[in-house]
Amino acid sequence: MSLGCRECLAGVRRSGRRLFETAYTRSPYRFPIIGRLDIFNQLKPSDIRSYYEYRYAPNNVFYVVVGEVRNTDVVKQIRDAYANTRTRAMAPAVLPDEPPTKTPSGVNSPAYTLPLPSLAPVSRA
């Protein structure tokens, strides 16, 4: 089973999933990032290539680099990786507006209730 399928089956952590389902009613943010298993299983390599070619371009990527690195080395690696890739105009990703929240949202289900840890006083030596 591929990593993507395992992520789908793991449910991307139930509490996080429920948070986004509750917070967003129109936005695609309400769906798990990895997608749903039934859709994932229908993907063909050509589907993934098409999406990659549509959305990935040097001018539509940003990197976060942490740790002890040399800036010049990282910039060189990125430039080398994209040396043969052209920048291009990208269609903006437009998200729908969410309606304002009028009442508190919540999920009252034992499956989503976590016990609170007991708080014991901390002694300082």
PDB file of N, CA and C in Angstrom:
ATOM      1  N   MET A   1       0.855  -1.184   0.000  1.00  0.00           N
ATOM      2  CA  MET A   1       0.000   0.000   0.000  1.00  0.00           C
ATOM      3  C   MET A   1       0.892   1.234   0.000  1.00  0.00           C
ATOM      4  N   SER A   2       0.543   2.199  -0.803  1.00  0.00           N
ATOM      5  CA  SER A   2       1.372   3.394  -0.918  1.00  0.00           C
ATOM      6  C   SER A   2       1.196   4.296   0.296  1.00  0.00           C
ATOM      7  N   LEU A   3       2.133   5.220   0.445  1.00  0.00           N
ATOM      8  CA  LEU A   3       2.072   6.178   1.551  1.00  0.00           C
ATOM      9  C   LEU A   3       0.774   6.963   1.497  1.00  0.00           C
ATOM     10  N   GLY A   4       0.378   7.423   0.302  1.00  0.00           N
ATOM     11  CA  GLY A   4      -0.855   8.196   0.164  1.00  0.00           C
ATOM     12  C   GLY A   4      -2.060   7.423   0.650  1.00  0.00           C
ATOM     13  N   CYS A   5      -2.152   6.149   0.299  1.00  0.00           N
ATOM     14  CA  CYS A   5      -3.284   5.331   0.744  1.00  0.00           C
ATOM     15  C   CYS A   5      -3.278   5.157   2.246  1.00  0.00           C
ATOM     16  N   ARG A   6      -2.102   4.955   2.825  1.00  0.00           N
ATOM     17  CA  ARG A   6      -2.030   4.815   4.285  1.00  0.00           C
ATOM     18  C   ARG A   6      -2.506   6.095   4.963  1.00  0.00           C
ATOM     19  N   GLU A   7      -2.147   7.254   4.395  1.00  0.00           N
ATOM     20  CA  GLU A   7      -2.600   8.526   4.958  1.00  0.00           C
ATOM     21  C   GLU A   7      -4.119   8.625   4.887  1.00  0.00           C
ATOM     22  N   CYS A   8      -4.704   8.201   3.759  1.00  0.00           N
ATOM     23  CA  CYS A   8      -6.169   8.238   3.623  1.00  0.00           C
ATOM     24  C   CYS A   8      -6.812   7.366   4.684  1.00  0.00           C
ATOM     25  N   LEU A   9      -6.285   6.156   4.865  1.00  0.00           N
ATOM     26  CA  LEU A   9      -6.877   5.233   5.834  1.00  0.00           C
ATOM     27  C   LEU A   9      -6.706   5.718   7.261  1.00  0.00           C
ATOM     28  N   ALA A  10      -5.622   6.418   7.524  1.00  0.00           N
ATOM     29  CA  ALA A  10      -5.385   6.925   8.878  1.00  0.00           C
ATOM     30  C   ALA A  10      -6.408   7.986   9.243  1.00  0.00           C
ATOM     31  N   GLY A  11      -7.103   8.504   8.245  1.00  0.00           N
ATOM     32  CA  GLY A  11      -8.139   9.479   8.533  1.00  0.00           C
ATOM     33  C   GLY A  11      -7.594  10.865   8.820  1.00  0.00           C
ATOM     34  N   VAL A  12      -6.305  11.065   8.612  1.00  0.00           N
ATOM     35  CA  VAL A  12      -5.661  12.356   8.857  1.00  0.00           C
ATOM     36  C   VAL A  12      -6.087  12.902  10.207  1.00  0.00           C
ATOM     37  N   ARG A  13      -6.083  12.076  11.173  1.00  0.00           N
ATOM     38  CA  ARG A  13      -6.412  12.439  12.552  1.00  0.00           C
ATOM     39  C   ARG A  13      -7.820  12.996  12.663  1.00  0.00           C
ATOM     40  N   ARG A  14      -8.643  12.238  13.306  1.00  0.00           N
ATOM     41  CA  ARG A  14     -10.070  12.545  13.397  1.00  0.00           C
ATOM     42  C   ARG A  14     -10.376  13.944  13.922  1.00  0.00           C
ATOM     43  N   SER A  15      -9.696  14.369  14.970  1.00  0.00           N
ATOM     44  CA  SER A  15     -10.016  15.672  15.554  1.00  0.00           C
ATOM     45  C   SER A  15      -9.681  16.805  14.584  1.00  0.00           C
ATOM     46  N   GLY A  16      -8.561  16.708  13.901  1.00  0.00           N
ATOM     47  CA  GLY A  16      -8.196  17.726  12.919  1.00  0.00           C
ATOM     48  C   GLY A  16      -9.169  17.755  11.764  1.00  0.00           C
ATOM     49  N   ARG A  17      -9.569  16.585  11.324  1.00  0.00           N
ATOM     50  CA  ARG A  17     -10.533  16.499  10.224  1.00  0.00           C
ATOM     51  C   ARG A  17     -11.851  17.139  10.626  1.00  0.00           C
ATOM     52  N   ARG A  18     -12.317  16.830  11.828  1.00  0.00           N
ATOM     53  CA  ARG A  18     -13.591  17.403  12.303  1.00  0.00           C
ATOM     54  C   ARG A  18     -13.496  18.916  12.467  1.00  0.00           C
ATOM     55  N   LEU A  19     -12.339  19.403  12.895  1.00  0.00           N
ATOM     56  CA  LEU A  19     -12.152  20.848  13.026  1.00  0.00           C
ATOM     57  C   LEU A  19     -12.386  21.535  11.683  1.00  0.00           C
ATOM     58  N   PHE A  20     -11.753  21.036  10.635  1.00  0.00           N
ATOM     59  CA  PHE A  20     -11.887  21.674   9.332  1.00  0.00           C
ATOM     60  C   PHE A  20     -13.271  21.466   8.731  1.00  0.00           C
ATOM     61  N   GLU A  21     -13.887  20.308   8.967  1.00  0.00           N
ATOM     62  CA  GLU A  21     -15.255  20.086   8.484  1.00  0.00           C
ATOM     63  C   GLU A  21     -16.227  21.061   9.131  1.00  0.00           C
ATOM     64  N   THR A  22     -15.989  21.386  10.388  1.00  0.00           N
ATOM     65  CA  THR A  22     -16.876  22.286  11.120  1.00  0.00           C
ATOM     66  C   THR A  22     -16.587  23.743  10.785  1.00  0.00           C
ATOM     67  N   ALA A  23     -15.318  24.096  10.653  1.00  0.00           N
ATOM     68  CA  ALA A  23     -14.939  25.491  10.428  1.00  0.00           C
ATOM     69  C   ALA A  23     -15.256  25.963   9.013  1.00  0.00           C
ATOM     70  N   TYR A  24     -15.188  25.078   8.042  1.00  0.00           N
ATOM     71  CA  TYR A  24     -15.393  25.467   6.647  1.00  0.00           C
ATOM     72  C   TYR A  24     -16.614  24.754   6.079  1.00  0.00           C
ATOM     73  N   THR A  25     -17.506  25.518   5.496  1.00  0.00           N
ATOM     74  CA  THR A  25     -18.704  24.919   4.898  1.00  0.00           C
ATOM     75  C   THR A  25     -18.657  24.934   3.381  1.00  0.00           C
ATOM     76  N   ARG A  26     -17.875  25.837   2.782  1.00  0.00           N
ATOM     77  CA  ARG A  26     -17.799  25.952   1.319  1.00  0.00           C
ATOM     78  C   ARG A  26     -16.403  25.691   0.772  1.00  0.00           C
ATOM     79  N   SER A  27     -15.407  26.036   1.512  1.00  0.00           N
ATOM     80  CA  SER A  27     -14.029  25.966   1.042  1.00  0.00           C
ATOM     81  C   SER A  27     -13.559  24.516   0.909  1.00  0.00           C
ATOM     82  N   PRO A  28     -12.674  24.263  -0.054  1.00  0.00           N
ATOM     83  CA  PRO A  28     -12.093  22.919  -0.137  1.00  0.00           C
ATOM     84  C   PRO A  28     -11.230  22.575   1.072  1.00  0.00           C
ATOM     85  N   TYR A  29     -10.929  23.576   1.926  1.00  0.00           N
ATOM     86  CA  TYR A  29     -10.181  23.294   3.150  1.00  0.00           C
ATOM     87  C   TYR A  29     -10.927  22.316   4.054  1.00  0.00           C
ATOM     88  N   ARG A  30     -12.219  22.137   3.842  1.00  0.00           N
ATOM     89  CA  ARG A  30     -12.984  21.222   4.693  1.00  0.00           C
ATOM     90  C   ARG A  30     -12.665  19.750   4.406  1.00  0.00           C
ATOM     91  N   PHE A  31     -11.971  19.493   3.297  1.00  0.00           N
ATOM     92  CA  PHE A  31     -11.615  18.122   2.921  1.00  0.00           C
ATOM     93  C   PHE A  31     -10.190  17.799   3.356  1.00  0.00           C
ATOM     94  N   PRO A  32      -9.890  16.534   3.650  1.00  0.00           N
ATOM     95  CA  PRO A  32      -8.516  16.172   4.013  1.00  0.00           C
ATOM     96  C   PRO A  32      -7.548  16.523   2.885  1.00  0.00           C
ATOM     97  N   ILE A  33      -6.368  16.993   3.230  1.00  0.00           N
ATOM     98  CA  ILE A  33      -5.375  17.390   2.230  1.00  0.00           C
ATOM     99  C   ILE A  33      -5.022  16.223   1.319  1.00  0.00           C
ATOM    100  N   ILE A  34      -4.877  15.059   1.881  1.00  0.00           N
ATOM    101  CA  ILE A  34      -4.468  13.897   1.094  1.00  0.00           C
ATOM    102  C   ILE A  34      -5.590  13.412   0.189  1.00  0.00           C
ATOM    103  N   GLY A  35      -6.818  13.803   0.465  1.00  0.00           N
ATOM    104  CA  GLY A  35      -7.947  13.382  -0.360  1.00  0.00           C
ATOM    105  C   GLY A  35      -8.687  12.209   0.252  1.00  0.00           C
ATOM    106  N   ARG A  36      -9.672  11.764  -0.473  1.00  0.00           N
ATOM    107  CA  ARG A  36     -10.478  10.622  -0.017  1.00  0.00           C
ATOM    108  C   ARG A  36     -10.005   9.363  -0.738  1.00  0.00           C
ATOM    109  N   LEU A  37     -10.038   8.243  -0.030  1.00  0.00           N
ATOM    110  CA  LEU A  37      -9.516   6.996  -0.567  1.00  0.00           C
ATOM    111  C   LEU A  37     -10.228   6.585  -1.851  1.00  0.00           C
ATOM    112  N   ASP A  38     -11.551   6.758  -1.929  1.00  0.00           N
ATOM    113  CA  ASP A  38     -12.275   6.342  -3.132  1.00  0.00           C
ATOM    114  C   ASP A  38     -11.809   7.128  -4.363  1.00  0.00           C
ATOM    115  N   ILE A  39     -11.488   8.405  -4.178  1.00  0.00           N
ATOM    116  CA  ILE A  39     -10.977   9.206  -5.294  1.00  0.00           C
ATOM    117  C   ILE A  39      -9.512   8.869  -5.552  1.00  0.00           C
ATOM    118  N   PHE A  40      -8.749   8.742  -4.480  1.00  0.00           N
ATOM    119  CA  PHE A  40      -7.325   8.419  -4.600  1.00  0.00           C
ATOM    120  C   PHE A  40      -7.124   7.141  -5.406  1.00  0.00           C
ATOM    121  N   ASN A  41      -7.943   6.131  -5.156  1.00  0.00           N
ATOM    122  CA  ASN A  41      -7.805   4.846  -5.851  1.00  0.00           C
ATOM    123  C   ASN A  41      -8.144   4.927  -7.334  1.00  0.00           C
ATOM    124  N   GLN A  42      -8.831   5.980  -7.760  1.00  0.00           N
ATOM    125  CA  GLN A  42      -9.181   6.137  -9.176  1.00  0.00           C
ATOM    126  C   GLN A  42      -8.119   6.896  -9.963  1.00  0.00           C
ATOM    127  N   LEU A  43      -7.167   7.521  -9.265  1.00  0.00           N
ATOM    128  CA  LEU A  43      -6.151   8.317  -9.951  1.00  0.00           C
ATOM    129  C   LEU A  43      -5.252   7.447 -10.813  1.00  0.00           C
ATOM    130  N   LYS A  44      -4.925   7.990 -11.968  1.00  0.00           N
ATOM    131  CA  LYS A  44      -3.965   7.355 -12.866  1.00  0.00           C
ATOM    132  C   LYS A  44      -2.710   8.220 -12.867  1.00  0.00           C
ATOM    133  N   PRO A  45      -1.573   7.658 -13.198  1.00  0.00           N
ATOM    134  CA  PRO A  45      -0.358   8.474 -13.266  1.00  0.00           C
ATOM    135  C   PRO A  45      -0.531   9.715 -14.149  1.00  0.00           C
ATOM    136  N   SER A  46      -1.298   9.611 -15.215  1.00  0.00           N
ATOM    137  CA  SER A  46      -1.514  10.766 -16.096  1.00  0.00           C
ATOM    138  C   SER A  46      -2.278  11.885 -15.385  1.00  0.00           C
ATOM    139  N   ASP A  47      -3.184  11.523 -14.450  1.00  0.00           N
ATOM    140  CA  ASP A  47      -3.909  12.532 -13.676  1.00  0.00           C
ATOM    141  C   ASP A  47      -2.939  13.327 -12.799  1.00  0.00           C
ATOM    142  N   ILE A  48      -2.029  12.624 -12.164  1.00  0.00           N
ATOM    143  CA  ILE A  48      -1.062  13.274 -11.275  1.00  0.00           C
ATOM    144  C   ILE A  48      -0.108  14.142 -12.085  1.00  0.00           C
ATOM    145  N   ARG A  49       0.342  13.638 -13.245  1.00  0.00           N
ATOM    146  CA  ARG A  49       1.218  14.434 -14.110  1.00  0.00           C
ATOM    147  C   ARG A  49       0.508  15.702 -14.597  1.00  0.00           C
ATOM    148  N   SER A  50      -0.744  15.581 -14.979  1.00  0.00           N
ATOM    149  CA  SER A  50      -1.499  16.747 -15.458  1.00  0.00           C
ATOM    150  C   SER A  50      -1.622  17.795 -14.371  1.00  0.00           C
ATOM    151  N   TYR A  51      -1.934  17.363 -13.148  1.00  0.00           N
ATOM    152  CA  TYR A  51      -2.050  18.313 -12.040  1.00  0.00           C
ATOM    153  C   TYR A  51      -0.697  18.971 -11.779  1.00  0.00           C
ATOM    154  N   TYR A  52       0.348  18.189 -11.782  1.00  0.00           N
ATOM    155  CA  TYR A  52       1.694  18.718 -11.551  1.00  0.00           C
ATOM    156  C   TYR A  52       2.035  19.774 -12.605  1.00  0.00           C
ATOM    157  N   GLU A  53       1.778  19.470 -13.858  1.00  0.00           N
ATOM    158  CA  GLU A  53       2.100  20.409 -14.932  1.00  0.00           C
ATOM    159  C   GLU A  53       1.245  21.668 -14.851  1.00  0.00           C
ATOM    160  N   TYR A  54       0.037  21.544 -14.340  1.00  0.00           N
ATOM    161  CA  TYR A  54      -0.862  22.694 -14.219  1.00  0.00           C
ATOM    162  C   TYR A  54      -0.478  23.615 -13.066  1.00  0.00           C
ATOM    163  N   ARG A  55      -0.093  23.046 -11.927  1.00  0.00           N
ATOM    164  CA  ARG A  55       0.107  23.833 -10.710  1.00  0.00           C
ATOM    165  C   ARG A  55       1.550  24.077 -10.296  1.00  0.00           C
ATOM    166  N   TYR A  56       2.495  23.312 -10.815  1.00  0.00           N
ATOM    167  CA  TYR A  56       3.870  23.448 -10.332  1.00  0.00           C
ATOM    168  C   TYR A  56       4.727  24.191 -11.356  1.00  0.00           C
ATOM    169  N   ALA A  57       5.250  25.311 -10.930  1.00  0.00           N
ATOM    170  CA  ALA A  57       6.174  26.112 -11.720  1.00  0.00           C
ATOM    171  C   ALA A  57       7.083  26.826 -10.720  1.00  0.00           C
ATOM    172  N   PRO A  58       8.283  27.194 -11.133  1.00  0.00           N
ATOM    173  CA  PRO A  58       9.201  27.840 -10.188  1.00  0.00           C
ATOM    174  C   PRO A  58       8.600  29.074  -9.510  1.00  0.00           C
ATOM    175  N   ASN A  59       7.761  29.794 -10.215  1.00  0.00           N
ATOM    176  CA  ASN A  59       7.167  30.998  -9.635  1.00  0.00           C
ATOM    177  C   ASN A  59       5.939  30.700  -8.781  1.00  0.00           C
ATOM    178  N   ASN A  60       5.601  29.434  -8.602  1.00  0.00           N
ATOM    179  CA  ASN A  60       4.460  29.054  -7.773  1.00  0.00           C
ATOM    180  C   ASN A  60       4.895  28.122  -6.642  1.00  0.00           C
ATOM    181  N   VAL A  61       6.158  28.199  -6.281  1.00  0.00           N
ATOM    182  CA  VAL A  61       6.716  27.327  -5.244  1.00  0.00           C
ATOM    183  C   VAL A  61       7.410  28.198  -4.209  1.00  0.00           C
ATOM    184  N   PHE A  62       7.263  27.813  -2.952  1.00  0.00           N
ATOM    185  CA  PHE A  62       8.132  28.438  -1.967  1.00  0.00           C
ATOM    186  C   PHE A  62       8.689  27.363  -1.067  1.00  0.00           C
ATOM    187  N   TYR A  63       9.854  27.637  -0.575  1.00  0.00           N
ATOM    188  CA  TYR A  63      10.571  26.674   0.243  1.00  0.00           C
ATOM    189  C   TYR A  63      10.712  27.183   1.660  1.00  0.00           C
ATOM    190  N   VAL A  64      10.692  26.254   2.587  1.00  0.00           N
ATOM    191  CA  VAL A  64      11.020  26.544   3.967  1.00  0.00           C
ATOM    192  C   VAL A  64      12.212  25.648   4.288  1.00  0.00           C
ATOM    193  N   VAL A  65      13.289  26.264   4.651  1.00  0.00           N
ATOM    194  CA  VAL A  65      14.507  25.514   4.949  1.00  0.00           C
ATOM    195  C   VAL A  65      14.877  25.807   6.393  1.00  0.00           C
ATOM    196  N   VAL A  66      15.057  24.770   7.159  1.00  0.00           N
ATOM    197  CA  VAL A  66      15.433  24.946   8.556  1.00  0.00           C
ATOM    198  C   VAL A  66      16.698  24.142   8.834  1.00  0.00           C
ATOM    199  N   GLY A  67      17.357  24.534   9.868  1.00  0.00           N
ATOM    200  CA  GLY A  67      18.544  23.801  10.270  1.00  0.00           C
ATOM    201  C   GLY A  67      19.795  24.591   9.950  1.00  0.00           C
ATOM    202  N   GLU A  68      20.886  23.944  10.173  1.00  0.00           N
ATOM    203  CA  GLU A  68      22.172  24.593   9.954  1.00  0.00           C
ATOM    204  C   GLU A  68      22.589  24.362   8.508  1.00  0.00           C
ATOM    205  N   VAL A  69      22.293  25.344   7.672  1.00  0.00           N
ATOM    206  CA  VAL A  69      22.602  25.249   6.249  1.00  0.00           C
ATOM    207  C   VAL A  69      23.310  26.521   5.797  1.00  0.00           C
ATOM    208  N   ARG A  70      23.944  26.417   4.659  1.00  0.00           N
ATOM    209  CA  ARG A  70      24.542  27.614   4.045  1.00  0.00           C
ATOM    210  C   ARG A  70      23.541  28.133   3.021  1.00  0.00           C
ATOM    211  N   ASN A  71      23.149  29.373   3.190  1.00  0.00           N
ATOM    212  CA  ASN A  71      22.167  29.971   2.279  1.00  0.00           C
ATOM    213  C   ASN A  71      22.576  29.817   0.823  1.00  0.00           C
ATOM    214  N   THR A  72      23.830  30.091   0.540  1.00  0.00           N
ATOM    215  CA  THR A  72      24.280  30.031  -0.853  1.00  0.00           C
ATOM    216  C   THR A  72      24.150  28.619  -1.426  1.00  0.00           C
ATOM    217  N   ASP A  73      24.395  27.599  -0.609  1.00  0.00           N
ATOM    218  CA  ASP A  73      24.257  26.210  -1.075  1.00  0.00           C
ATOM    219  C   ASP A  73      22.799  25.881  -1.390  1.00  0.00           C
ATOM    220  N   VAL A  74      21.895  26.317  -0.511  1.00  0.00           N
ATOM    221  CA  VAL A  74      20.474  26.029  -0.716  1.00  0.00           C
ATOM    222  C   VAL A  74      19.971  26.734  -1.975  1.00  0.00           C
ATOM    223  N   VAL A  75      20.296  27.992  -2.119  1.00  0.00           N
ATOM    224  CA  VAL A  75      19.859  28.747  -3.298  1.00  0.00           C
ATOM    225  C   VAL A  75      20.419  28.095  -4.568  1.00  0.00           C
ATOM    226  N   LYS A  76      21.652  27.662  -4.538  1.00  0.00           N
ATOM    227  CA  LYS A  76      22.246  27.003  -5.708  1.00  0.00           C
ATOM    228  C   LYS A  76      21.507  25.709  -6.043  1.00  0.00           C
ATOM    229  N   GLN A  77      21.185  24.910  -5.027  1.00  0.00           N
ATOM    230  CA  GLN A  77      20.452  23.661  -5.271  1.00  0.00           C
ATOM    231  C   GLN A  77      19.090  23.937  -5.912  1.00  0.00           C
ATOM    232  N   ILE A  78      18.392  24.944  -5.418  1.00  0.00           N
ATOM    233  CA  ILE A  78      17.079  25.271  -5.971  1.00  0.00           C
ATOM    234  C   ILE A  78      17.221  25.772  -7.405  1.00  0.00           C
ATOM    235  N   ARG A  79      18.166  26.666  -7.631  1.00  0.00           N
ATOM    236  CA  ARG A  79      18.378  27.181  -8.999  1.00  0.00           C
ATOM    237  C   ARG A  79      18.751  26.052  -9.960  1.00  0.00           C
ATOM    238  N   ASP A  80      19.615  25.152  -9.519  1.00  0.00           N
ATOM    239  CA  ASP A  80      19.999  24.022 -10.377  1.00  0.00           C
ATOM    240  C   ASP A  80      18.789  23.128 -10.680  1.00  0.00           C
ATOM    241  N   ALA A  81      17.966  22.895  -9.676  1.00  0.00           N
ATOM    242  CA  ALA A  81      16.798  22.023  -9.867  1.00  0.00           C
ATOM    243  C   ALA A  81      15.820  22.606 -10.878  1.00  0.00           C
ATOM    244  N   TYR A  82      15.719  23.932 -10.916  1.00  0.00           N
ATOM    245  CA  TYR A  82      14.770  24.583 -11.822  1.00  0.00           C
ATOM    246  C   TYR A  82      15.439  25.200 -13.044  1.00  0.00           C
ATOM    247  N   ALA A  83      16.686  24.877 -13.287  1.00  0.00           N
ATOM    248  CA  ALA A  83      17.433  25.510 -14.380  1.00  0.00           C
ATOM    249  C   ALA A  83      16.748  25.336 -15.733  1.00  0.00           C
ATOM    250  N   ASN A  84      16.129  24.208 -15.960  1.00  0.00           N
ATOM    251  CA  ASN A  84      15.498  23.938 -17.260  1.00  0.00           C
ATOM    252  C   ASN A  84      13.980  24.112 -17.226  1.00  0.00           C
ATOM    253  N   THR A  85      13.488  24.729 -16.177  1.00  0.00           N
ATOM    254  CA  THR A  85      12.039  24.919 -16.043  1.00  0.00           C
ATOM    255  C   THR A  85      11.720  26.395 -16.178  1.00  0.00           C
ATOM    256  N   ARG A  86      10.784  26.718 -17.047  1.00  0.00           N
ATOM    257  CA  ARG A  86      10.421  28.114 -17.258  1.00  0.00           C
ATOM    258  C   ARG A  86       9.352  28.560 -16.279  1.00  0.00           C
ATOM    259  N   THR A  87       9.428  29.817 -15.924  1.00  0.00           N
ATOM    260  CA  THR A  87       8.326  30.398 -15.159  1.00  0.00           C
ATOM    261  C   THR A  87       7.179  30.618 -16.137  1.00  0.00           C
ATOM    262  N   ARG A  88       5.967  30.667 -15.614  1.00  0.00           N
ATOM    263  CA  ARG A  88       4.808  30.893 -16.484  1.00  0.00           C
ATOM    264  C   ARG A  88       3.679  31.485 -15.683  1.00  0.00           C
ATOM    265  N   ALA A  89       2.757  32.079 -16.385  1.00  0.00           N
ATOM    266  CA  ALA A  89       1.589  32.655 -15.723  1.00  0.00           C
ATOM    267  C   ALA A  89       0.760  31.525 -15.131  1.00  0.00           C
ATOM    268  N   MET A  90       0.266  31.761 -13.943  1.00  0.00           N
ATOM    269  CA  MET A  90      -0.545  30.752 -13.250  1.00  0.00           C
ATOM    270  C   MET A  90      -1.927  31.322 -12.992  1.00  0.00           C
ATOM    271  N   ALA A  91      -2.927  30.503 -13.231  1.00  0.00           N
ATOM    272  CA  ALA A  91      -4.286  30.921 -12.887  1.00  0.00           C
ATOM    273  C   ALA A  91      -4.384  30.988 -11.364  1.00  0.00           C
ATOM    274  N   PRO A  92      -4.993  32.044 -10.838  1.00  0.00           N
ATOM    275  CA  PRO A  92      -5.087  32.134  -9.376  1.00  0.00           C
ATOM    276  C   PRO A  92      -6.029  31.051  -8.824  1.00  0.00           C
ATOM    277  N   ALA A  93      -5.702  30.561  -7.660  1.00  0.00           N
ATOM    278  CA  ALA A  93      -6.578  29.621  -6.968  1.00  0.00           C
ATOM    279  C   ALA A  93      -7.539  30.467  -6.140  1.00  0.00           C
ATOM    280  N   VAL A  94      -8.788  30.524  -6.551  1.00  0.00           N
ATOM    281  CA  VAL A  94      -9.782  31.357  -5.881  1.00  0.00           C
ATOM    282  C   VAL A  94     -10.626  30.477  -4.973  1.00  0.00           C
ATOM    283  N   LEU A  95     -10.684  30.850  -3.705  1.00  0.00           N
ATOM    284  CA  LEU A  95     -11.469  30.093  -2.729  1.00  0.00           C
ATOM    285  C   LEU A  95     -12.783  30.819  -2.467  1.00  0.00           C
ATOM    286  N   PRO A  96     -13.845  30.070  -2.260  1.00  0.00           N
ATOM    287  CA  PRO A  96     -15.126  30.719  -1.974  1.00  0.00           C
ATOM    288  C   PRO A  96     -15.115  31.391  -0.604  1.00  0.00           C
ATOM    289  N   ASP A  97     -15.884  32.467  -0.479  1.00  0.00           N
ATOM    290  CA  ASP A  97     -16.031  33.115   0.823  1.00  0.00           C
ATOM    291  C   ASP A  97     -16.847  32.218   1.737  1.00  0.00           C
ATOM    292  N   GLU A  98     -16.451  32.184   2.990  1.00  0.00           N
ATOM    293  CA  GLU A  98     -17.202  31.431   3.991  1.00  0.00           C
ATOM    294  C   GLU A  98     -18.238  32.367   4.609  1.00  0.00           C
ATOM    295  N   PRO A  99     -19.429  31.865   4.865  1.00  0.00           N
ATOM    296  CA  PRO A  99     -20.406  32.714   5.544  1.00  0.00           C
ATOM    297  C   PRO A  99     -19.961  32.967   6.975  1.00  0.00           C
ATOM    298  N   PRO A 100     -20.356  34.109   7.542  1.00  0.00           N
ATOM    299  CA  PRO A 100     -19.969  34.363   8.942  1.00  0.00           C
ATOM    300  C   PRO A 100     -20.618  33.340   9.870  1.00  0.00           C
ATOM    301  N   THR A 101     -19.910  33.010  10.923  1.00  0.00           N
ATOM    302  CA  THR A 101     -20.440  32.081  11.916  1.00  0.00           C
ATOM    303  C   THR A 101     -21.415  32.827  12.811  1.00  0.00           C
ATOM    304  N   LYS A 102     -22.624  32.292  12.917  1.00  0.00           N
ATOM    305  CA  LYS A 102     -23.645  32.956  13.732  1.00  0.00           C
ATOM    306  C   LYS A 102     -23.817  32.304  15.095  1.00  0.00           C
ATOM    307  N   THR A 103     -23.520  31.033  15.156  1.00  0.00           N
ATOM    308  CA  THR A 103     -23.646  30.310  16.420  1.00  0.00           C
ATOM    309  C   THR A 103     -22.385  29.479  16.626  1.00  0.00           C
ATOM    310  N   PRO A 104     -22.092  29.142  17.860  1.00  0.00           N
ATOM    311  CA  PRO A 104     -20.923  28.281  18.095  1.00  0.00           C
ATOM    312  C   PRO A 104     -21.112  26.945  17.390  1.00  0.00           C
ATOM    313  N   SER A 105     -20.068  26.476  16.776  1.00  0.00           N
ATOM    314  CA  SER A 105     -20.105  25.169  16.124  1.00  0.00           C
ATOM    315  C   SER A 105     -19.450  24.171  17.045  1.00  0.00           C
ATOM    316  N   GLY A 106     -19.893  22.950  16.964  1.00  0.00           N
ATOM    317  CA  GLY A 106     -19.262  21.943  17.798  1.00  0.00           C
ATOM    318  C   GLY A 106     -19.730  20.566  17.439  1.00  0.00           C
ATOM    319  N   VAL A 107     -18.989  19.620  17.868  1.00  0.00           N
ATOM    320  CA  VAL A 107     -19.322  18.225  17.668  1.00  0.00           C
ATOM    321  C   VAL A 107     -19.383  17.609  19.045  1.00  0.00           C
ATOM    322  N   ASN A 108     -20.533  17.126  19.413  1.00  0.00           N
ATOM    323  CA  ASN A 108     -20.686  16.466  20.704  1.00  0.00           C
ATOM    324  C   ASN A 108     -20.858  14.985  20.453  1.00  0.00           C
ATOM    325  N   SER A 109     -19.766  14.297  20.465  1.00  0.00           N
ATOM    326  CA  SER A 109     -19.782  12.874  20.205  1.00  0.00           C
ATOM    327  C   SER A 109     -18.716  12.224  21.066  1.00  0.00           C
ATOM    328  N   PRO A 110     -19.027  11.100  21.687  1.00  0.00           N
ATOM    329  CA  PRO A 110     -18.005  10.435  22.506  1.00  0.00           C
ATOM    330  C   PRO A 110     -16.755  10.091  21.712  1.00  0.00           C
ATOM    331  N   ALA A 111     -16.900   9.885  20.397  1.00  0.00           N
ATOM    332  CA  ALA A 111     -15.728   9.542  19.584  1.00  0.00           C
ATOM    333  C   ALA A 111     -14.745  10.701  19.511  1.00  0.00           C
ATOM    334  N   TYR A 112     -15.228  11.921  19.762  1.00  0.00           N
ATOM    335  CA  TYR A 112     -14.366  13.086  19.647  1.00  0.00           C
ATOM    336  C   TYR A 112     -14.098  13.751  20.984  1.00  0.00           C
ATOM    337  N   THR A 113     -14.476  13.119  22.067  1.00  0.00           N
ATOM    338  CA  THR A 113     -14.264  13.698  23.390  1.00  0.00           C
ATOM    339  C   THR A 113     -12.985  13.116  23.976  1.00  0.00           C
ATOM    340  N   LEU A 114     -12.092  13.982  24.360  1.00  0.00           N
ATOM    341  CA  LEU A 114     -10.840  13.534  24.951  1.00  0.00           C
ATOM    342  C   LEU A 114     -10.851  13.832  26.437  1.00  0.00           C
ATOM    343  N   PRO A 115     -10.392  12.908  27.255  1.00  0.00           N
ATOM    344  CA  PRO A 115     -10.325  13.188  28.693  1.00  0.00           C
ATOM    345  C   PRO A 115      -9.250  14.233  28.964  1.00  0.00           C
ATOM    346  N   LEU A 116      -9.542  15.137  29.859  1.00  0.00           N
ATOM    347  CA  LEU A 116      -8.560  16.139  30.242  1.00  0.00           C
ATOM    348  C   LEU A 116      -7.601  15.549  31.261  1.00  0.00           C
ATOM    349  N   PRO A 117      -6.316  15.848  31.120  1.00  0.00           N
ATOM    350  CA  PRO A 117      -5.372  15.310  32.106  1.00  0.00           C
ATOM    351  C   PRO A 117      -5.582  16.007  33.450  1.00  0.00           C
ATOM    352  N   SER A 118      -5.322  15.264  34.496  1.00  0.00           N
ATOM    353  CA  SER A 118      -5.414  15.906  35.818  1.00  0.00           C
ATOM    354  C   SER A 118      -4.179  16.773  35.997  1.00  0.00           C
ATOM    355  N   LEU A 119      -4.376  17.908  36.578  1.00  0.00           N
ATOM    356  CA  LEU A 119      -3.262  18.833  36.773  1.00  0.00           C
ATOM    357  C   LEU A 119      -2.763  18.713  38.204  1.00  0.00           C
ATOM    358  N   ALA A 120      -1.576  18.242  38.340  1.00  0.00           N
ATOM    359  CA  ALA A 120      -0.971  18.101  39.671  1.00  0.00           C
ATOM    360  C   ALA A 120      -0.037  19.293  39.892  1.00  0.00           C
ATOM    361  N   PRO A 121       0.042  19.773  41.114  1.00  0.00           N
ATOM    362  CA  PRO A 121       0.963  20.888  41.367  1.00  0.00           C
ATOM    363  C   PRO A 121       2.401  20.471  41.081  1.00  0.00           C
ATOM    364  N   VAL A 122       3.143  21.399  40.595  1.00  0.00           N
ATOM    365  CA  VAL A 122       4.549  21.144  40.288  1.00  0.00           C
ATOM    366  C   VAL A 122       5.384  21.667  41.451  1.00  0.00           C
ATOM    367  N   SER A 123       6.201  20.783  42.006  1.00  0.00           N
ATOM    368  CA  SER A 123       7.057  21.238  43.108  1.00  0.00           C
ATOM    369  C   SER A 123       8.393  21.681  42.540  1.00  0.00           C
ATOM    370  N   ARG A 124       8.884  22.733  43.071  1.00  0.00           N
ATOM    371  CA  ARG A 124      10.179  23.245  42.618  1.00  0.00           C
ATOM    372  C   ARG A 124      11.208  23.012  43.720  1.00  0.00           C
ATOM    373  N   ALA A 125      12.324  22.476  43.359  1.00  0.00           N
ATOM    374  CA  ALA A 125      13.366  22.191  44.356  1.00  0.00           C
ATOM    375  C   ALA A 125      14.242  23.373  44.570  1.00  0.00           C
TER     376      ALA A 125
END
